[in-house]
């Protein structure tokens, strides 16, 4: 099978740069741990490939995650599905731990936003997974917008 690549960018930032809250409290280490498992185990599809992960702190109010997934089409689909699930679980944990005020938004240009409240955390995993997967397949960066604590 021909090798393919997909790039996924996720920007995690506060709603407004002028807010005093910064993203130091966002615990990206747990997510990095979830994403650095051996690629064949993440894919769970019997296919091999690679996952390149980059974490960049751009400002006090923003973190960027970059993933480059390379392998067969089967591998890419399986990895994107699993990465979406893991990201959704991590995001739900962050929302709970940080006691985020208001709703969390996932945005990508040209796609409908996904808006998640504290009460919707238990049912939001599928929507987050689908959103992340669709954005990666379209080559669109994903924005995760957090509001400061209340």
N, C-alpha and C. Protein backbone atom coordinates (compact mmCIF):
# COMPACT_ATOMS: atom_id res chain seq x y z
N UNK A 1 0.82 -1.20 0.00
CA UNK A 1 0.00 0.00 0.00
C UNK A 1 0.86 1.25 0.00
N UNK A 2 0.38 2.28 -0.64
CA UNK A 2 1.11 3.53 -0.72
C UNK A 2 1.09 4.25 0.63
N UNK A 3 2.23 4.84 0.95
CA UNK A 3 2.32 5.58 2.20
C UNK A 3 1.72 6.97 2.02
N UNK A 4 0.96 7.40 3.01
CA UNK A 4 0.32 8.71 3.00
C UNK A 4 0.68 9.45 4.27
N UNK A 5 0.46 10.75 4.27
CA UNK A 5 0.70 11.55 5.47
C UNK A 5 -0.46 12.50 5.71
N UNK A 6 -0.76 12.71 6.96
CA UNK A 6 -1.76 13.70 7.37
C UNK A 6 -1.15 14.53 8.49
N UNK A 7 -1.42 15.82 8.43
CA UNK A 7 -0.93 16.73 9.45
C UNK A 7 -2.12 17.22 10.27
N UNK A 8 -1.95 17.25 11.58
CA UNK A 8 -2.98 17.76 12.47
C UNK A 8 -2.33 18.80 13.38
N UNK A 9 -2.89 20.00 13.39
CA UNK A 9 -2.44 21.06 14.29
C UNK A 9 -3.57 21.40 15.24
N UNK A 10 -3.24 21.50 16.51
CA UNK A 10 -4.22 21.87 17.53
C UNK A 10 -3.64 23.04 18.32
N UNK A 11 -4.35 24.16 18.32
CA UNK A 11 -3.96 25.33 19.10
C UNK A 11 -4.88 25.39 20.31
N UNK A 12 -4.30 25.44 21.49
CA UNK A 12 -5.06 25.54 22.74
C UNK A 12 -4.79 26.93 23.30
N UNK A 13 -5.85 27.73 23.40
CA UNK A 13 -5.63 29.08 23.90
C UNK A 13 -6.84 29.60 24.65
N UNK A 14 -6.60 30.65 25.41
CA UNK A 14 -7.70 31.28 26.14
C UNK A 14 -8.55 32.09 25.18
N UNK A 15 -9.76 32.38 25.58
CA UNK A 15 -10.72 33.07 24.71
C UNK A 15 -10.20 34.43 24.24
N UNK A 16 -9.64 35.22 25.14
CA UNK A 16 -9.19 36.55 24.76
C UNK A 16 -7.76 36.76 25.27
N UNK A 17 -6.84 37.16 24.38
CA UNK A 17 -5.45 37.36 24.81
C UNK A 17 -5.27 38.37 25.93
N UNK A 18 -6.21 39.30 26.06
CA UNK A 18 -6.07 40.32 27.12
C UNK A 18 -6.45 39.80 28.51
N UNK A 19 -7.06 38.61 28.59
CA UNK A 19 -7.36 38.04 29.91
C UNK A 19 -6.05 37.78 30.64
N UNK A 20 -6.09 37.80 31.95
CA UNK A 20 -4.87 37.63 32.75
C UNK A 20 -4.47 36.16 32.90
N UNK A 21 -5.37 35.26 32.65
CA UNK A 21 -5.13 33.82 32.80
C UNK A 21 -4.24 33.32 31.66
N UNK A 22 -3.25 32.48 31.98
CA UNK A 22 -2.44 31.91 30.90
C UNK A 22 -2.59 30.39 30.89
N UNK A 23 -1.96 29.75 29.95
CA UNK A 23 -2.17 28.31 29.77
C UNK A 23 -1.17 27.45 30.55
N UNK A 24 -0.47 28.04 31.52
CA UNK A 24 0.46 27.26 32.34
C UNK A 24 -0.25 26.12 33.06
N UNK A 25 -1.51 26.33 33.40
CA UNK A 25 -2.25 25.32 34.15
C UNK A 25 -2.74 24.16 33.29
N UNK A 26 -2.68 24.31 31.98
CA UNK A 26 -3.09 23.23 31.07
C UNK A 26 -1.98 22.18 31.11
N UNK A 27 -2.32 20.98 31.51
CA UNK A 27 -1.34 19.90 31.69
C UNK A 27 -1.21 19.09 30.41
N UNK A 28 -0.34 19.56 29.54
CA UNK A 28 -0.16 18.92 28.24
C UNK A 28 0.63 17.61 28.36
N UNK A 29 1.34 17.41 29.46
CA UNK A 29 2.13 16.20 29.64
C UNK A 29 1.31 14.92 29.57
N UNK A 30 0.12 14.95 30.14
CA UNK A 30 -0.74 13.76 30.09
C UNK A 30 -1.14 13.44 28.66
N UNK A 31 -1.39 14.48 27.85
CA UNK A 31 -1.74 14.25 26.45
C UNK A 31 -0.54 13.74 25.66
N UNK A 32 0.63 14.32 25.90
CA UNK A 32 1.84 13.86 25.23
C UNK A 32 2.06 12.38 25.54
N UNK A 33 1.86 12.00 26.78
CA UNK A 33 2.00 10.60 27.18
C UNK A 33 1.03 9.71 26.37
N UNK A 34 -0.19 10.18 26.20
CA UNK A 34 -1.19 9.41 25.43
C UNK A 34 -0.81 9.28 23.96
N UNK A 35 -0.11 10.27 23.43
CA UNK A 35 0.19 10.30 22.00
C UNK A 35 1.56 9.73 21.63
N UNK A 36 2.35 9.35 22.64
CA UNK A 36 3.68 8.82 22.35
C UNK A 36 3.78 7.31 22.55
N UNK A 37 2.66 6.68 22.70
CA UNK A 37 2.64 5.22 22.73
C UNK A 37 3.11 4.73 21.36
N UNK A 38 3.62 3.50 21.29
CA UNK A 38 4.08 2.95 20.02
C UNK A 38 2.96 3.05 18.97
N UNK A 39 3.25 3.61 17.79
CA UNK A 39 2.21 3.84 16.79
C UNK A 39 1.35 2.63 16.44
N UNK A 40 1.94 1.45 16.36
CA UNK A 40 1.15 0.26 16.02
C UNK A 40 0.11 -0.04 17.09
N UNK A 41 0.42 0.32 18.35
CA UNK A 41 -0.53 0.12 19.44
C UNK A 41 -1.63 1.18 19.45
N UNK A 42 -1.29 2.39 19.02
CA UNK A 42 -2.31 3.43 18.91
C UNK A 42 -3.28 3.06 17.79
N UNK A 43 -2.75 2.61 16.66
CA UNK A 43 -3.59 2.29 15.51
C UNK A 43 -4.49 1.08 15.76
N UNK A 44 -3.98 0.09 16.44
CA UNK A 44 -4.74 -1.13 16.72
C UNK A 44 -5.36 -1.72 15.45
N UNK A 45 -4.63 -1.59 14.34
CA UNK A 45 -5.15 -2.07 13.06
C UNK A 45 -4.20 -3.05 12.39
N UNK A 46 -3.15 -3.46 13.10
CA UNK A 46 -2.17 -4.38 12.52
C UNK A 46 -1.31 -3.72 11.46
N UNK A 47 -1.33 -2.43 11.38
CA UNK A 47 -0.55 -1.67 10.39
C UNK A 47 0.51 -0.85 11.12
N UNK A 48 1.64 -0.68 10.45
CA UNK A 48 2.71 0.13 11.02
C UNK A 48 2.75 1.49 10.34
N UNK A 49 3.29 2.45 11.05
CA UNK A 49 3.45 3.79 10.53
C UNK A 49 4.18 4.62 11.56
N UNK A 50 4.15 5.92 11.40
CA UNK A 50 4.84 6.77 12.36
C UNK A 50 3.97 7.97 12.75
N UNK A 51 4.26 8.47 13.94
CA UNK A 51 3.58 9.66 14.45
C UNK A 51 4.67 10.60 14.97
N UNK A 52 4.72 11.77 14.39
CA UNK A 52 5.66 12.79 14.85
C UNK A 52 4.86 13.81 15.63
N UNK A 53 5.29 14.10 16.85
CA UNK A 53 4.58 15.02 17.74
C UNK A 53 5.48 16.19 18.09
N UNK A 54 4.89 17.39 18.02
CA UNK A 54 5.61 18.60 18.40
C UNK A 54 4.73 19.42 19.33
N UNK A 55 5.31 19.93 20.41
CA UNK A 55 4.60 20.82 21.32
C UNK A 55 5.36 22.15 21.32
N UNK A 56 4.64 23.23 21.09
CA UNK A 56 5.25 24.54 21.02
C UNK A 56 4.46 25.53 21.87
N UNK A 57 5.17 26.26 22.70
CA UNK A 57 4.54 27.33 23.49
C UNK A 57 4.80 28.62 22.73
N UNK A 58 3.76 29.24 22.21
CA UNK A 58 3.94 30.44 21.40
C UNK A 58 3.82 31.72 22.21
N UNK A 59 2.90 31.75 23.16
CA UNK A 59 2.64 32.92 23.99
C UNK A 59 2.22 32.42 25.37
N UNK A 60 2.05 33.35 26.30
CA UNK A 60 1.55 32.96 27.62
C UNK A 60 0.14 32.40 27.51
N UNK A 61 -0.55 32.71 26.44
CA UNK A 61 -1.95 32.34 26.29
C UNK A 61 -2.20 31.25 25.26
N UNK A 62 -1.12 30.63 24.71
CA UNK A 62 -1.35 29.64 23.65
C UNK A 62 -0.30 28.53 23.63
N UNK A 63 -0.79 27.31 23.42
CA UNK A 63 0.03 26.13 23.18
C UNK A 63 -0.35 25.57 21.81
N UNK A 64 0.64 25.10 21.05
CA UNK A 64 0.37 24.46 19.78
C UNK A 64 0.84 23.01 19.82
N UNK A 65 -0.01 22.11 19.37
CA UNK A 65 0.37 20.71 19.21
C UNK A 65 0.36 20.41 17.73
N UNK A 66 1.40 19.77 17.26
CA UNK A 66 1.46 19.39 15.86
C UNK A 66 1.71 17.90 15.75
N UNK A 67 0.94 17.24 14.91
CA UNK A 67 1.13 15.81 14.68
C UNK A 67 1.24 15.57 13.18
N UNK A 68 2.20 14.75 12.80
CA UNK A 68 2.33 14.30 11.43
C UNK A 68 2.23 12.78 11.48
N UNK A 69 1.19 12.25 10.88
CA UNK A 69 0.93 10.81 10.90
C UNK A 69 1.21 10.29 9.50
N UNK A 70 2.07 9.27 9.42
CA UNK A 70 2.46 8.71 8.13
C UNK A 70 2.28 7.20 8.16
N UNK A 71 1.69 6.67 7.10
CA UNK A 71 1.48 5.23 6.98
C UNK A 71 0.44 4.94 5.91
N UNK A 72 -0.07 3.74 5.92
CA UNK A 72 -1.11 3.37 4.96
C UNK A 72 -2.41 4.10 5.30
N UNK A 73 -3.34 4.09 4.37
CA UNK A 73 -4.65 4.70 4.61
C UNK A 73 -5.35 4.08 5.80
N UNK A 74 -5.22 2.77 5.96
CA UNK A 74 -5.83 2.06 7.09
C UNK A 74 -5.20 2.56 8.40
N UNK A 75 -3.87 2.70 8.41
CA UNK A 75 -3.16 3.18 9.59
C UNK A 75 -3.61 4.60 9.93
N UNK A 76 -3.66 5.49 8.93
CA UNK A 76 -4.05 6.88 9.17
C UNK A 76 -5.45 6.97 9.76
N UNK A 77 -6.38 6.26 9.18
CA UNK A 77 -7.76 6.29 9.67
C UNK A 77 -7.83 5.78 11.11
N UNK A 78 -7.16 4.67 11.39
CA UNK A 78 -7.19 4.09 12.74
C UNK A 78 -6.52 5.03 13.75
N UNK A 79 -5.38 5.61 13.38
CA UNK A 79 -4.68 6.51 14.29
C UNK A 79 -5.50 7.77 14.55
N UNK A 80 -6.07 8.37 13.51
CA UNK A 80 -6.87 9.58 13.71
C UNK A 80 -8.06 9.32 14.63
N UNK A 81 -8.69 8.18 14.47
CA UNK A 81 -9.83 7.84 15.34
C UNK A 81 -9.36 7.71 16.79
N UNK A 82 -8.28 7.00 17.00
CA UNK A 82 -7.78 6.80 18.37
C UNK A 82 -7.24 8.10 18.96
N UNK A 83 -6.52 8.89 18.15
CA UNK A 83 -6.01 10.17 18.65
C UNK A 83 -7.16 11.09 19.02
N UNK A 84 -8.22 11.08 18.23
CA UNK A 84 -9.39 11.88 18.55
C UNK A 84 -9.99 11.48 19.88
N UNK A 85 -10.10 10.18 20.11
CA UNK A 85 -10.64 9.68 21.39
C UNK A 85 -9.75 10.10 22.56
N UNK A 86 -8.45 9.93 22.39
CA UNK A 86 -7.52 10.28 23.46
C UNK A 86 -7.52 11.79 23.73
N UNK A 87 -7.58 12.58 22.67
CA UNK A 87 -7.64 14.02 22.84
C UNK A 87 -8.93 14.41 23.56
N UNK A 88 -10.04 13.80 23.18
CA UNK A 88 -11.33 14.09 23.82
C UNK A 88 -11.29 13.77 25.31
N UNK A 89 -10.72 12.62 25.67
CA UNK A 89 -10.60 12.25 27.08
C UNK A 89 -9.73 13.22 27.85
N UNK A 90 -8.61 13.60 27.24
CA UNK A 90 -7.70 14.56 27.88
C UNK A 90 -8.39 15.91 28.05
N UNK A 91 -9.10 16.36 27.02
CA UNK A 91 -9.77 17.65 27.09
C UNK A 91 -10.84 17.64 28.19
N UNK A 92 -11.57 16.57 28.30
CA UNK A 92 -12.58 16.45 29.37
C UNK A 92 -11.91 16.54 30.74
N UNK A 93 -10.78 15.88 30.90
CA UNK A 93 -10.03 15.95 32.17
C UNK A 93 -9.59 17.38 32.46
N UNK A 94 -9.09 18.08 31.44
CA UNK A 94 -8.64 19.46 31.62
C UNK A 94 -9.79 20.37 32.03
N UNK A 95 -10.93 20.19 31.39
CA UNK A 95 -12.09 21.02 31.72
C UNK A 95 -12.48 20.82 33.18
N UNK A 96 -12.47 19.58 33.63
CA UNK A 96 -12.81 19.29 35.03
C UNK A 96 -11.76 19.84 35.98
N UNK A 97 -10.49 19.58 35.71
CA UNK A 97 -9.41 19.97 36.61
C UNK A 97 -9.24 21.49 36.68
N UNK A 98 -9.42 22.17 35.56
CA UNK A 98 -9.22 23.62 35.54
C UNK A 98 -10.47 24.39 35.92
N UNK A 99 -11.59 23.68 36.08
CA UNK A 99 -12.85 24.32 36.40
C UNK A 99 -13.12 25.47 35.43
N UNK A 100 -13.07 25.12 34.16
CA UNK A 100 -13.24 26.11 33.10
C UNK A 100 -14.60 26.77 33.21
N UNK A 101 -14.61 28.09 33.07
CA UNK A 101 -15.84 28.88 33.10
C UNK A 101 -16.47 28.82 31.70
N UNK A 102 -17.76 28.78 31.66
CA UNK A 102 -18.43 28.79 30.36
C UNK A 102 -18.21 27.51 29.58
N UNK A 103 -18.19 27.64 28.28
CA UNK A 103 -18.07 26.48 27.41
C UNK A 103 -16.72 26.47 26.72
N UNK A 104 -16.30 25.29 26.33
CA UNK A 104 -15.09 25.12 25.54
C UNK A 104 -15.52 24.99 24.09
N UNK A 105 -14.81 25.66 23.21
CA UNK A 105 -15.14 25.60 21.79
C UNK A 105 -14.02 24.94 21.02
N UNK A 106 -14.39 24.11 20.05
CA UNK A 106 -13.46 23.59 19.06
C UNK A 106 -13.85 24.22 17.74
N UNK A 107 -12.87 24.83 17.07
CA UNK A 107 -13.13 25.52 15.82
C UNK A 107 -12.14 25.06 14.75
N UNK A 108 -12.59 25.08 13.52
CA UNK A 108 -11.73 24.89 12.35
C UNK A 108 -12.41 25.63 11.21
N UNK A 109 -11.64 26.33 10.44
CA UNK A 109 -12.20 27.15 9.38
C UNK A 109 -13.06 26.32 8.43
N UNK A 110 -14.28 26.80 8.18
CA UNK A 110 -15.17 26.12 7.26
C UNK A 110 -15.93 24.95 7.86
N UNK A 111 -15.75 24.68 9.15
CA UNK A 111 -16.47 23.60 9.82
C UNK A 111 -17.35 24.17 10.92
N UNK A 112 -18.44 23.47 11.21
CA UNK A 112 -19.30 23.87 12.33
C UNK A 112 -18.52 23.70 13.63
N UNK A 113 -18.67 24.65 14.54
CA UNK A 113 -18.00 24.57 15.84
C UNK A 113 -18.59 23.47 16.70
N UNK A 114 -17.76 22.94 17.59
CA UNK A 114 -18.25 22.04 18.63
C UNK A 114 -18.12 22.81 19.94
N UNK A 115 -19.22 22.95 20.66
CA UNK A 115 -19.23 23.69 21.92
C UNK A 115 -19.59 22.72 23.03
N UNK A 116 -18.78 22.70 24.09
CA UNK A 116 -18.94 21.72 25.16
C UNK A 116 -19.05 22.44 26.50
N UNK A 117 -20.07 22.07 27.26
CA UNK A 117 -20.21 22.60 28.61
C UNK A 117 -19.81 21.51 29.60
N UNK A 118 -19.65 21.90 30.85
CA UNK A 118 -19.32 20.92 31.90
C UNK A 118 -20.32 19.77 31.91
N UNK A 119 -21.59 20.09 31.77
CA UNK A 119 -22.65 19.07 31.84
C UNK A 119 -22.60 18.10 30.66
N UNK A 120 -21.99 18.51 29.56
CA UNK A 120 -21.96 17.68 28.36
C UNK A 120 -20.71 16.83 28.21
N UNK A 121 -19.81 16.89 29.19
CA UNK A 121 -18.54 16.18 29.07
C UNK A 121 -18.70 14.70 28.79
N UNK A 122 -19.62 14.06 29.48
CA UNK A 122 -19.79 12.61 29.35
C UNK A 122 -20.22 12.21 27.95
N UNK A 123 -20.95 13.06 27.26
CA UNK A 123 -21.48 12.70 25.94
C UNK A 123 -20.73 13.36 24.78
N UNK A 124 -19.71 14.14 25.07
CA UNK A 124 -19.04 14.92 24.03
C UNK A 124 -17.91 14.18 23.33
N UNK A 125 -17.47 13.04 23.84
CA UNK A 125 -16.29 12.38 23.27
C UNK A 125 -16.45 12.07 21.78
N UNK A 126 -17.58 11.56 21.38
CA UNK A 126 -17.78 11.21 19.96
C UNK A 126 -17.73 12.46 19.08
N UNK A 127 -18.34 13.55 19.53
CA UNK A 127 -18.34 14.79 18.75
C UNK A 127 -16.92 15.35 18.62
N UNK A 128 -16.15 15.31 19.71
CA UNK A 128 -14.76 15.80 19.67
C UNK A 128 -13.93 14.93 18.75
N UNK A 129 -14.06 13.62 18.88
CA UNK A 129 -13.31 12.68 18.04
C UNK A 129 -13.61 12.92 16.57
N UNK A 130 -14.88 13.02 16.22
CA UNK A 130 -15.28 13.25 14.83
C UNK A 130 -14.76 14.58 14.30
N UNK A 131 -14.80 15.61 15.14
CA UNK A 131 -14.34 16.94 14.74
C UNK A 131 -12.84 16.92 14.43
N UNK A 132 -12.05 16.36 15.35
CA UNK A 132 -10.60 16.31 15.18
C UNK A 132 -10.24 15.49 13.94
N UNK A 133 -10.88 14.37 13.77
CA UNK A 133 -10.62 13.49 12.63
C UNK A 133 -10.96 14.20 11.31
N UNK A 134 -12.12 14.84 11.24
CA UNK A 134 -12.54 15.55 10.02
C UNK A 134 -11.60 16.70 9.70
N UNK A 135 -11.20 17.45 10.71
CA UNK A 135 -10.29 18.57 10.49
C UNK A 135 -8.95 18.08 9.94
N UNK A 136 -8.43 17.00 10.50
CA UNK A 136 -7.15 16.44 10.02
C UNK A 136 -7.28 15.97 8.57
N UNK A 137 -8.38 15.33 8.26
CA UNK A 137 -8.58 14.84 6.89
C UNK A 137 -8.70 15.98 5.89
N UNK A 138 -9.18 17.13 6.34
CA UNK A 138 -9.31 18.31 5.47
C UNK A 138 -8.07 19.20 5.52
N UNK A 139 -7.10 18.84 6.38
CA UNK A 139 -5.89 19.64 6.51
C UNK A 139 -6.10 20.96 7.23
N UNK A 140 -7.11 21.00 8.10
CA UNK A 140 -7.44 22.24 8.82
C UNK A 140 -6.89 22.23 10.24
N UNK A 141 -6.30 23.33 10.69
CA UNK A 141 -5.88 23.42 12.08
C UNK A 141 -7.12 23.54 12.99
N UNK A 142 -7.01 22.98 14.16
CA UNK A 142 -8.11 22.99 15.16
C UNK A 142 -7.73 23.99 16.25
N UNK A 143 -8.68 24.82 16.63
CA UNK A 143 -8.51 25.72 17.77
C UNK A 143 -9.35 25.21 18.93
N UNK A 144 -8.75 25.14 20.10
CA UNK A 144 -9.48 24.81 21.32
C UNK A 144 -9.47 26.09 22.16
N UNK A 145 -10.65 26.65 22.38
CA UNK A 145 -10.75 27.94 23.06
C UNK A 145 -11.28 27.71 24.47
N UNK A 146 -10.48 28.12 25.46
CA UNK A 146 -10.84 27.98 26.87
C UNK A 146 -11.12 29.36 27.46
N UNK A 147 -12.06 29.42 28.38
CA UNK A 147 -12.32 30.67 29.09
C UNK A 147 -11.70 30.58 30.46
N UNK A 148 -11.25 31.70 30.96
CA UNK A 148 -10.61 31.74 32.28
C UNK A 148 -11.56 31.23 33.35
N UNK A 149 -10.96 30.84 34.48
CA UNK A 149 -11.76 30.38 35.62
C UNK A 149 -12.71 31.47 36.08
N UNK A 150 -13.85 31.01 36.59
CA UNK A 150 -14.84 31.96 37.10
C UNK A 150 -14.51 32.42 38.49
